[in-house]
N, C-alpha and C. Protein backbone atom coordinates (compact mmCIF):
# COMPACT_ATOMS: atom_id res chain seq x y z
N MET A 1 1.19 -1.58 0.29
CA MET A 1 -0.06 -0.03 -0.20
C MET A 1 0.76 1.12 0.37
N ALA A 2 1.59 1.36 0.51
CA ALA A 2 2.78 2.37 0.57
C ALA A 2 3.00 2.52 -0.46
N THR A 3 3.42 1.55 -1.21
CA THR A 3 3.94 2.33 -2.81
C THR A 3 3.07 2.66 -3.89
N GLU A 4 1.66 2.13 -3.34
CA GLU A 4 0.51 2.48 -4.06
C GLU A 4 0.62 4.08 -3.98
N THR A 5 0.79 4.50 -2.66
CA THR A 5 0.29 5.73 -2.55
C THR A 5 1.65 6.86 -3.11
N THR A 6 3.00 6.20 -2.89
CA THR A 6 3.70 6.89 -3.79
C THR A 6 3.84 7.08 -5.36
N ASP A 7 3.14 5.82 -5.54
CA ASP A 7 2.77 5.68 -6.94
C ASP A 7 1.76 6.64 -7.38
N ALA A 8 0.80 6.84 -6.61
CA ALA A 8 -0.64 7.60 -7.25
C ALA A 8 -0.10 9.30 -6.70
N ALA A 9 1.41 9.58 -5.83
CA ALA A 9 1.70 10.94 -5.50
C ALA A 9 2.60 11.37 -6.74
N HIS A 10 3.21 10.39 -7.47
CA HIS A 10 4.41 10.53 -8.74
C HIS A 10 2.99 10.80 -9.79
N GLY A 11 1.94 10.17 -9.69
CA GLY A 11 0.95 10.26 -11.14
C GLY A 11 0.54 11.57 -11.02
N ALA A 12 0.09 11.95 -9.75
CA ALA A 12 -0.26 13.64 -9.66
C ALA A 12 0.32 14.58 -10.27
N GLU A 13 1.57 13.99 -9.88
CA GLU A 13 2.88 15.25 -10.48
C GLU A 13 3.13 15.20 -11.66
N ALA A 14 2.98 14.29 -12.03
CA ALA A 14 3.07 13.66 -13.67
C ALA A 14 1.85 14.50 -14.03
N ALA A 15 0.65 14.47 -13.82
CA ALA A 15 -0.53 15.07 -14.74
C ALA A 15 -0.46 16.69 -14.23
N SER A 16 0.34 17.06 -13.56
CA SER A 16 0.23 18.54 -13.24
C SER A 16 0.81 19.43 -14.04
N PRO A 17 0.73 20.13 -14.59
CA PRO A 17 1.70 21.22 -15.51
C PRO A 17 2.99 21.73 -14.91
N GLY A 18 3.16 21.58 -13.66
CA GLY A 18 4.09 22.66 -13.20
C GLY A 18 4.26 23.67 -12.66
N MET A 19 4.30 24.75 -12.91
CA MET A 19 4.07 26.03 -12.05
C MET A 19 2.74 26.46 -12.66
N PRO A 20 2.33 27.15 -11.23
CA PRO A 20 0.84 27.65 -11.51
C PRO A 20 0.43 28.74 -12.73
N GLN A 21 1.42 29.62 -12.64
CA GLN A 21 1.07 30.72 -14.08
C GLN A 21 1.24 30.03 -15.20
N LEU A 22 1.25 29.11 -15.68
CA LEU A 22 1.85 28.42 -16.90
C LEU A 22 0.21 27.74 -17.04
N ASP A 23 -0.40 27.42 -16.27
CA ASP A 23 -1.40 26.91 -16.29
C ASP A 23 -2.83 27.51 -16.94
N PHE A 24 -2.81 26.74 -18.38
CA PHE A 24 -3.87 27.86 -19.30
C PHE A 24 -5.64 27.92 -18.66
N SER A 25 -5.50 27.08 -17.47
CA SER A 25 -7.21 27.49 -16.49
C SER A 25 -7.21 28.43 -15.79
N THR A 26 -5.91 28.99 -15.26
CA THR A 26 -6.04 30.12 -14.58
C THR A 26 -5.43 31.75 -14.86
N PHE A 27 -5.46 31.46 -16.57
CA PHE A 27 -4.98 32.72 -17.52
C PHE A 27 -6.16 33.63 -17.44
N PRO A 28 -7.35 33.55 -17.22
CA PRO A 28 -8.76 34.81 -17.28
C PRO A 28 -8.42 35.29 -15.68
N ASN A 29 -8.19 34.65 -14.73
CA ASN A 29 -7.71 35.05 -13.18
C ASN A 29 -6.41 35.69 -13.02
N GLN A 30 -5.53 35.24 -13.73
CA GLN A 30 -4.29 36.14 -13.81
C GLN A 30 -4.36 37.62 -14.53
N ILE A 31 -5.13 37.28 -15.83
CA ILE A 31 -5.38 38.48 -16.72
C ILE A 31 -5.95 39.62 -15.88
N PHE A 32 -6.82 38.77 -15.21
CA PHE A 32 -7.81 40.35 -14.34
C PHE A 32 -6.84 40.78 -13.38
N TRP A 33 -6.03 40.12 -12.64
CA TRP A 33 -5.43 40.73 -11.44
C TRP A 33 -4.24 41.58 -12.23
N LEU A 34 -4.10 41.24 -13.23
CA LEU A 34 -2.32 41.90 -14.22
C LEU A 34 -3.54 43.24 -14.32
N VAL A 35 -4.88 43.53 -14.82
CA VAL A 35 -4.94 44.48 -15.14
C VAL A 35 -5.30 45.48 -14.31
N VAL A 36 -6.02 44.92 -12.80
CA VAL A 36 -6.22 45.75 -12.12
C VAL A 36 -5.02 46.02 -11.30
N THR A 37 -3.97 45.15 -11.06
CA THR A 37 -2.59 45.97 -10.59
C THR A 37 -2.11 47.13 -11.56
N LEU A 38 -1.63 46.69 -12.93
CA LEU A 38 -1.64 47.80 -13.61
C LEU A 38 -2.59 49.23 -13.63
N VAL A 39 -3.90 49.09 -13.88
CA VAL A 39 -4.57 50.28 -13.25
C VAL A 39 -4.44 50.90 -11.73
N VAL A 40 -4.05 50.03 -10.63
CA VAL A 40 -3.94 50.67 -9.64
C VAL A 40 -2.43 51.39 -9.72
N ILE A 41 -1.37 50.91 -10.43
CA ILE A 41 -0.29 51.39 -10.77
C ILE A 41 -0.35 52.76 -11.57
N TYR A 42 -1.04 52.53 -12.38
CA TYR A 42 -1.31 53.62 -13.41
C TYR A 42 -1.99 54.99 -12.41
N LEU A 43 -2.93 54.62 -11.54
CA LEU A 43 -3.60 55.75 -11.04
C LEU A 43 -2.65 56.20 -10.01
N VAL A 44 -2.05 55.34 -9.24
CA VAL A 44 -0.88 55.94 -7.89
C VAL A 44 0.28 57.01 -8.88
N LEU A 45 0.56 56.29 -10.10
CA LEU A 45 1.60 57.18 -10.46
C LEU A 45 0.92 58.38 -11.13
N SER A 46 0.09 58.14 -11.94
CA SER A 46 -0.71 59.43 -12.77
C SER A 46 -1.27 60.60 -12.09
N LYS A 47 -1.41 60.20 -10.53
CA LYS A 47 -2.27 60.70 -9.51
C LYS A 47 -1.18 61.48 -8.13
N VAL A 48 -0.40 60.77 -8.08
CA VAL A 48 0.80 61.11 -6.81
C VAL A 48 2.11 61.04 -7.24
N ALA A 49 2.89 60.46 -7.94
CA ALA A 49 3.95 60.37 -8.18
C ALA A 49 4.03 61.62 -9.41
N LEU A 50 3.90 61.33 -10.24
CA LEU A 50 3.66 61.97 -11.78
C LEU A 50 3.73 63.41 -11.57
N PRO A 51 2.75 63.87 -10.70
CA PRO A 51 2.56 65.32 -10.34
C PRO A 51 3.77 65.75 -9.37
N ARG A 52 4.27 64.96 -8.83
CA ARG A 52 5.43 65.09 -7.81
C ARG A 52 6.53 65.47 -8.38
N ILE A 53 6.85 64.66 -9.25
CA ILE A 53 7.81 64.64 -10.32
C ILE A 53 8.34 65.85 -11.00
N ALA A 54 6.56 66.02 -11.52
CA ALA A 54 6.63 67.23 -12.44
C ALA A 54 6.41 68.35 -12.04
N SER A 55 6.12 68.62 -10.41
CA SER A 55 6.50 69.60 -9.93
C SER A 55 7.91 69.89 -9.64
N VAL A 56 8.85 68.91 -9.03
CA VAL A 56 9.82 69.05 -9.03
C VAL A 56 10.60 69.77 -9.98
N LEU A 57 10.57 68.93 -11.56
CA LEU A 57 10.92 69.34 -12.60
C LEU A 57 10.94 70.77 -12.63
N ALA A 58 9.47 71.13 -12.74
CA ALA A 58 9.46 72.67 -13.25
C ALA A 58 10.13 73.60 -12.46
N GLU A 59 10.34 73.30 -10.76
CA GLU A 59 10.81 74.16 -9.79
C GLU A 59 12.41 74.22 -10.17
N ARG A 60 13.26 72.86 -10.49
CA ARG A 60 14.00 72.75 -11.24
C ARG A 60 14.48 73.51 -12.31
N GLN A 61 13.48 73.42 -12.93
CA GLN A 61 13.85 74.39 -14.27
C GLN A 61 13.39 75.97 -14.17
N GLY A 62 12.80 76.10 -13.24
CA GLY A 62 12.15 77.39 -12.77
C GLY A 62 13.80 78.12 -11.79
N THR A 63 14.29 76.93 -10.94
CA THR A 63 15.59 77.31 -10.43
C THR A 63 16.96 77.72 -11.25
N ILE A 64 16.88 77.32 -12.28
CA ILE A 64 18.08 76.98 -13.10
C ILE A 64 17.45 78.21 -14.25
N THR A 65 16.50 78.34 -14.46
CA THR A 65 16.44 79.33 -15.27
C THR A 65 16.64 80.92 -14.43
N ASN A 66 16.21 81.20 -13.08
CA ASN A 66 16.44 82.27 -12.66
C ASN A 66 18.25 82.32 -12.31
N ASP A 67 18.66 81.12 -11.93
CA ASP A 67 20.19 80.90 -11.88
C ASP A 67 21.13 81.74 -13.22
N VAL A 68 20.35 81.14 -14.11
CA VAL A 68 21.18 81.66 -15.58
C VAL A 68 21.04 83.14 -15.76
N ALA A 69 19.51 83.41 -15.56
CA ALA A 69 19.25 85.15 -15.49
C ALA A 69 20.27 86.10 -14.53
N ALA A 70 19.98 85.18 -13.35
CA ALA A 70 21.18 86.40 -12.23
C ALA A 70 22.58 85.75 -12.71
N ALA A 71 22.95 85.31 -13.25
CA ALA A 71 24.45 84.78 -13.65
C ALA A 71 24.71 86.00 -15.01
N GLU A 72 23.85 85.99 -15.66
CA GLU A 72 23.82 86.90 -16.67
C GLU A 72 23.74 88.42 -16.26
N GLU A 73 22.87 88.75 -14.97
CA GLU A 73 22.83 89.83 -15.00
C GLU A 73 24.12 90.37 -14.01
N LEU A 74 24.74 89.02 -13.54
CA LEU A 74 26.18 89.44 -12.66
C LEU A 74 27.32 89.63 -13.53
N LYS A 75 26.85 88.90 -15.02
CA LYS A 75 28.20 89.16 -15.71
C LYS A 75 28.09 90.45 -16.30
N GLN A 76 26.55 91.12 -16.80
CA GLN A 76 26.54 92.38 -17.08
C GLN A 76 27.45 93.37 -16.52
N LYS A 77 26.88 93.20 -15.07
CA LYS A 77 27.56 94.25 -13.70
C LYS A 77 28.94 94.08 -13.87
N ALA A 78 29.52 93.23 -13.87
CA ALA A 78 30.76 92.82 -14.12
C ALA A 78 31.56 93.42 -15.21
N ALA A 79 31.06 93.38 -16.11
CA ALA A 79 31.29 93.98 -17.88
C ALA A 79 31.44 95.42 -17.39
N ASP A 80 30.15 95.95 -17.06
CA ASP A 80 30.41 97.27 -16.65
C ASP A 80 31.02 97.75 -15.24
N ALA A 81 31.43 96.86 -14.51
CA ALA A 81 32.28 97.35 -13.45
C ALA A 81 33.75 97.48 -14.22
N GLU A 82 33.86 96.34 -14.90
CA GLU A 82 35.63 96.46 -15.82
C GLU A 82 35.72 97.37 -16.85
N ALA A 83 34.35 98.17 -17.16
CA ALA A 83 34.60 99.10 -18.17
C ALA A 83 34.68 100.43 -17.60
N ALA A 84 33.90 100.49 -16.65
CA ALA A 84 34.01 101.57 -15.32
C ALA A 84 35.70 101.60 -14.71
N TYR A 85 36.12 100.52 -14.48
CA TYR A 85 37.39 100.09 -14.11
C TYR A 85 38.50 100.87 -14.89
N GLU A 86 38.63 100.53 -16.17
CA GLU A 86 39.15 100.60 -17.31
C GLU A 86 38.85 102.22 -17.48
N LYS A 87 37.79 103.00 -17.42
CA LYS A 87 37.75 104.31 -17.65
C LYS A 87 38.27 104.81 -16.76
N ALA A 88 38.02 104.68 -15.30
CA ALA A 88 39.04 105.42 -14.29
C ALA A 88 40.16 105.34 -14.52
N LEU A 89 40.89 103.99 -14.79
CA LEU A 89 42.34 104.00 -14.80
C LEU A 89 42.56 104.95 -16.10
N ALA A 90 42.07 104.71 -17.16
CA ALA A 90 42.70 105.99 -18.37
C ALA A 90 42.55 107.11 -17.96
N ASP A 91 41.17 107.47 -17.18
CA ASP A 91 41.62 109.21 -16.65
C ASP A 91 42.21 109.29 -15.76
N ALA A 92 42.81 108.09 -14.76
CA ALA A 92 43.61 108.60 -13.69
C ALA A 92 45.24 108.99 -14.54
N ARG A 93 45.19 107.50 -15.56
CA ARG A 93 46.81 107.85 -16.34
C ARG A 93 46.37 109.26 -16.87
N ALA A 94 45.64 109.47 -17.48
CA ALA A 94 45.44 110.80 -18.36
C ALA A 94 46.32 112.09 -17.42
N GLU A 95 45.38 112.00 -16.36
CA GLU A 95 45.62 112.93 -14.91
C GLU A 95 46.86 113.26 -14.74
N ALA A 96 47.62 111.61 -14.34
CA ALA A 96 48.99 111.64 -13.76
C ALA A 96 49.56 112.39 -15.11
N SER A 97 49.64 111.87 -16.06
CA SER A 97 50.33 112.75 -17.57
C SER A 97 50.19 114.22 -17.46
N ARG A 98 49.29 114.94 -17.15
CA ARG A 98 48.75 116.14 -17.18
C ARG A 98 49.59 116.90 -16.16
N ILE A 99 49.43 116.03 -15.07
CA ILE A 99 49.99 116.60 -13.65
C ILE A 99 51.69 116.59 -13.68
N ALA A 100 52.02 115.45 -14.38
CA ALA A 100 53.56 115.38 -14.58
C ALA A 100 53.79 116.43 -15.84
N GLY A 101 53.21 116.78 -16.70
CA GLY A 101 53.27 117.39 -17.59
C GLY A 101 53.46 118.90 -17.20
N GLU A 102 52.40 119.35 -16.38
CA GLU A 102 52.53 120.56 -15.31
C GLU A 102 53.85 120.75 -14.70
N ALA A 103 54.10 119.87 -14.08
CA ALA A 103 55.06 119.92 -12.84
C ALA A 103 56.05 120.29 -13.87
N LYS A 104 56.45 119.33 -15.03
CA LYS A 104 58.17 119.15 -15.59
C LYS A 104 57.51 120.82 -16.42
N ALA A 105 56.81 121.60 -16.76
CA ALA A 105 57.00 122.58 -17.11
C ALA A 105 57.01 123.75 -16.22
N GLU A 106 56.44 123.62 -14.95
CA GLU A 106 57.05 124.75 -13.64
C GLU A 106 58.34 124.27 -13.58
N MET A 107 58.39 123.35 -13.31
CA MET A 107 59.75 123.20 -12.85
C MET A 107 61.16 123.64 -14.28
N GLN A 108 60.66 123.10 -15.52
CA GLN A 108 61.54 124.26 -16.45
C GLN A 108 61.53 125.74 -16.64
N ALA A 109 60.12 126.32 -16.01
CA ALA A 109 60.10 127.47 -16.12
C ALA A 109 61.18 128.19 -14.95
N GLU A 110 61.12 127.04 -13.84
CA GLU A 110 61.76 127.75 -12.40
C GLU A 110 63.51 127.62 -13.02
N VAL A 111 63.82 126.79 -13.66
CA VAL A 111 65.11 126.56 -14.12
C VAL A 111 65.51 128.02 -15.23
N ASP A 112 64.44 127.97 -15.80
CA ASP A 112 64.68 129.14 -16.76
C ASP A 112 65.05 130.22 -16.05
N ALA A 113 64.07 130.69 -14.96
CA ALA A 113 64.13 131.97 -14.52
C ALA A 113 65.35 131.87 -13.65
N ALA A 114 65.90 130.77 -12.77
CA ALA A 114 67.14 130.37 -12.22
C ALA A 114 68.21 131.23 -13.04
N MET A 115 68.14 130.42 -14.35
CA MET A 115 69.04 130.48 -15.30
C MET A 115 69.58 132.28 -15.69
N VAL A 116 68.19 132.82 -15.88
CA VAL A 116 68.42 134.39 -16.32
C VAL A 116 68.64 134.80 -15.15
N LYS A 117 68.21 134.48 -13.42
CA LYS A 117 68.79 135.21 -12.90
C LYS A 117 70.26 135.37 -12.64
N ALA A 118 70.91 134.04 -13.02
CA ALA A 118 72.12 133.79 -12.52
C ALA A 118 72.94 134.20 -13.79
N ASP A 119 72.27 134.27 -15.09
CA ASP A 119 73.32 134.92 -16.23
C ASP A 119 73.50 136.56 -15.77
N ALA A 120 72.17 137.16 -15.24
CA ALA A 120 72.24 138.56 -14.97
C ALA A 120 73.33 138.53 -13.75
N GLU A 121 73.23 138.04 -12.84
CA GLU A 121 74.49 137.94 -11.92
C GLU A 121 75.57 138.19 -12.24
N ILE A 122 75.61 137.21 -12.85
CA ILE A 122 77.61 136.31 -13.75
C ILE A 122 77.68 137.96 -14.62
N ALA A 123 76.64 138.39 -15.23
CA ALA A 123 76.82 139.56 -16.00
C ALA A 123 77.10 140.89 -15.21
N ALA A 124 76.74 141.04 -13.93
CA ALA A 124 76.53 142.12 -12.98
C ALA A 124 78.41 141.81 -12.41
N GLN A 125 78.36 140.61 -12.16
CA GLN A 125 79.45 140.33 -11.08
C GLN A 125 80.65 141.06 -12.45
N THR A 126 80.78 140.16 -13.45
CA THR A 126 81.73 140.80 -14.62
C THR A 126 81.52 141.91 -14.99
N ALA A 127 80.78 142.59 -14.89
CA ALA A 127 80.94 144.29 -15.50
C ALA A 127 81.54 144.74 -14.06
N GLU A 128 81.29 144.30 -12.74
CA GLU A 128 81.77 144.90 -11.72
C GLU A 128 83.42 144.61 -11.62
N SER A 129 83.64 143.53 -12.10
CA SER A 129 85.18 142.62 -12.36
C SER A 129 85.96 143.58 -13.32
N GLU A 130 85.26 143.96 -14.30
CA GLU A 130 85.94 144.50 -15.68
C GLU A 130 86.08 145.87 -15.13
N VAL A 131 85.34 146.52 -14.34
CA VAL A 131 85.57 147.92 -13.43
C VAL A 131 86.97 147.90 -12.78
N ARG A 132 86.77 147.01 -11.67
CA ARG A 132 87.64 146.79 -10.85
C ARG A 132 89.05 146.57 -11.63
N ILE A 133 88.61 145.60 -12.70
CA ILE A 133 90.13 145.42 -13.09
C ILE A 133 90.55 146.87 -14.00
N ASN A 134 89.99 147.81 -14.38
CA ASN A 134 90.30 148.76 -15.26
C ASN A 134 90.68 149.76 -14.15
N GLU A 135 90.27 149.87 -12.74
CA GLU A 135 90.47 150.62 -11.90
C GLU A 135 92.07 150.14 -11.07
N ILE A 136 92.18 148.69 -11.12
CA ILE A 136 93.69 148.53 -11.29
C ILE A 136 94.81 148.87 -11.75
N LYS A 137 94.13 148.32 -13.48
CA LYS A 137 94.70 148.70 -14.56
C LYS A 137 95.27 150.15 -14.38
N ALA A 138 94.49 150.99 -14.04
CA ALA A 138 94.97 152.29 -14.22
C ALA A 138 95.70 152.98 -13.06
N GLY A 139 95.10 152.53 -11.67
CA GLY A 139 95.95 152.59 -10.68
C GLY A 139 97.41 152.24 -11.06
N ALA A 140 97.69 150.97 -11.66
CA ALA A 140 98.79 150.30 -11.73
C ALA A 140 99.30 151.11 -12.74
N ALA A 141 99.23 151.53 -13.68
CA ALA A 141 99.75 152.20 -14.51
C ALA A 141 100.07 153.43 -13.79
N GLU A 142 99.29 154.21 -13.57
CA GLU A 142 99.61 155.50 -12.68
C GLU A 142 100.53 155.44 -11.51
N ALA A 143 100.61 154.14 -10.96
CA ALA A 143 101.87 153.66 -10.05
C ALA A 143 103.18 153.33 -10.83
N VAL A 144 102.77 152.80 -11.96
CA VAL A 144 104.20 152.57 -12.66
C VAL A 144 104.58 154.54 -13.29
N LYS A 145 103.74 155.10 -13.79
CA LYS A 145 104.53 156.44 -14.16
C LYS A 145 105.18 156.93 -12.97
N GLU A 146 104.17 157.07 -11.54
CA GLU A 146 104.70 157.48 -10.91
C GLU A 146 105.94 157.22 -10.18
N VAL A 147 106.02 155.86 -10.46
CA VAL A 147 107.69 155.35 -9.67
C VAL A 147 108.97 155.85 -10.85
N ALA A 148 108.14 155.66 -11.98
CA ALA A 148 109.15 155.70 -13.43
C ALA A 148 109.70 157.18 -13.09
N ARG A 149 108.71 158.22 -12.88
CA ARG A 149 109.14 159.71 -12.45
C ARG A 149 110.28 159.90 -11.56
N ASP A 150 109.43 159.13 -10.14
CA ASP A 150 110.64 159.71 -9.45
C ASP A 150 111.93 158.74 -9.41
N THR A 151 112.02 157.45 -10.02
CA THR A 151 112.86 157.36 -10.48
C THR A 151 114.22 157.96 -11.77
N ALA A 152 113.37 158.54 -12.49
CA ALA A 152 114.00 159.23 -13.40
C ALA A 152 114.41 160.56 -13.06
N LYS A 153 113.81 161.07 -11.86
CA LYS A 153 114.29 162.30 -11.34
C LYS A 153 115.77 161.58 -10.47
N GLU A 154 115.49 160.60 -9.86
CA GLU A 154 116.53 160.56 -8.68
C GLU A 154 118.02 160.00 -9.38
N VAL A 155 117.68 159.53 -10.84
CA VAL A 155 118.72 158.97 -11.70
C VAL A 155 119.07 160.40 -12.10
N VAL A 156 118.45 161.33 -12.72
CA VAL A 156 119.04 162.64 -13.36
C VAL A 156 119.54 163.17 -12.07
N ALA A 157 119.16 163.45 -10.81
CA ALA A 157 119.81 164.16 -9.77
C ALA A 157 121.16 163.49 -9.92
N ALA A 158 121.10 162.06 -9.49
CA ALA A 158 122.36 161.11 -9.34
C ALA A 158 123.41 161.58 -10.44
N LEU A 159 122.92 161.90 -11.87
CA LEU A 159 124.00 162.51 -12.91
C LEU A 159 124.29 163.55 -12.42
N GLY A 160 123.95 164.50 -11.83
CA GLY A 160 124.27 165.98 -11.73
C GLY A 160 123.37 166.84 -12.80
N ILE A 161 122.86 166.40 -13.33
CA ILE A 161 121.59 167.21 -14.11
C ILE A 161 120.75 167.90 -13.56
N ASP A 162 120.48 169.14 -13.40
CA ASP A 162 119.33 169.70 -13.12
C ASP A 162 117.98 170.03 -14.49
N ILE A 163 116.91 169.11 -13.67
CA ILE A 163 115.83 169.28 -15.05
C ILE A 163 114.53 169.71 -13.98
N ASP A 164 113.46 170.02 -14.94
CA ASP A 164 112.23 170.38 -14.21
C ASP A 164 111.42 169.23 -14.39
N ASP A 165 110.52 169.26 -13.48
CA ASP A 165 109.51 168.25 -13.28
C ASP A 165 108.54 168.14 -14.42
N LYS A 166 108.64 169.06 -15.45
CA LYS A 166 107.52 168.90 -16.59
C LYS A 166 108.21 168.29 -17.59
N ALA A 167 109.45 168.09 -17.89
CA ALA A 167 110.17 167.57 -18.74
C ALA A 167 110.66 166.26 -18.68
N VAL A 168 110.50 165.84 -17.18
CA VAL A 168 110.66 164.39 -16.49
C VAL A 168 109.26 163.78 -17.09
N GLU A 169 107.90 164.37 -16.77
CA GLU A 169 106.70 163.72 -16.98
C GLU A 169 106.78 163.83 -18.20
N ALA A 170 107.36 164.68 -19.21
CA ALA A 170 106.84 164.29 -20.74
C ALA A 170 107.69 163.15 -21.11
N ALA A 171 109.14 163.03 -20.62
CA ALA A 171 109.33 161.93 -20.90
C ALA A 171 109.23 160.61 -20.44
N VAL A 172 108.83 160.51 -19.38
CA VAL A 172 108.07 159.56 -19.01
C VAL A 172 106.84 159.22 -19.75
N ALA A 173 106.05 160.01 -19.87
CA ALA A 173 104.72 159.79 -20.77
C ALA A 173 105.00 159.43 -21.40
N THR A 174 106.19 159.83 -22.72
CA THR A 174 106.41 159.33 -24.12
C THR A 174 106.74 158.08 -24.03
N GLN A 175 107.54 157.84 -22.90
CA GLN A 175 108.14 156.36 -23.03
C GLN A 175 107.01 155.47 -22.29
N VAL A 176 106.07 155.45 -21.77
CA VAL A 176 105.00 154.73 -21.08
C VAL A 176 103.79 154.22 -22.60
N LYS A 177 103.64 155.37 -23.35
CA LYS A 177 103.02 155.35 -24.51
C LYS A 177 103.67 153.96 -25.79
N GLY A 178 104.68 154.25 -25.78
CA GLY A 178 105.54 153.34 -26.27
C GLY A 178 106.11 153.93 -27.37
């Protein structure tokens, strides 16, 4: 008997097709639950998940658009700031060049004025020196004439010749003139 039950069990296994999913008699039931499951998944996705995903995507798109607009605005502000900086730098360079030119012209004017003043002082000193030199020459010539007169008188007196002062002066004046 035990062998008959075992054979019957083996026979029932041989008669069953295997996996219940592949049993054609249960296909309408499986198709029904498949359709119900797909409809439930569709409803859950379309009513809950997809609107949330769509709102997240729209929010991200809005954020990206705002960020791009802000970046463009900041880029424009940076370009404007750079242009203003370049203009200020060019103006500063021009102002520095102008100030340097004015300072150079002012210094050149001061140098020219100092040169004119120095030339005038040199000319005055030269004229004064020439006057003093002429005075010294005149004084020296007069001293030479006086020494020559005195020497001539003493030489003539030593020789024992008596001569008047006018003759000595005339002889000295003739010799001094050359």
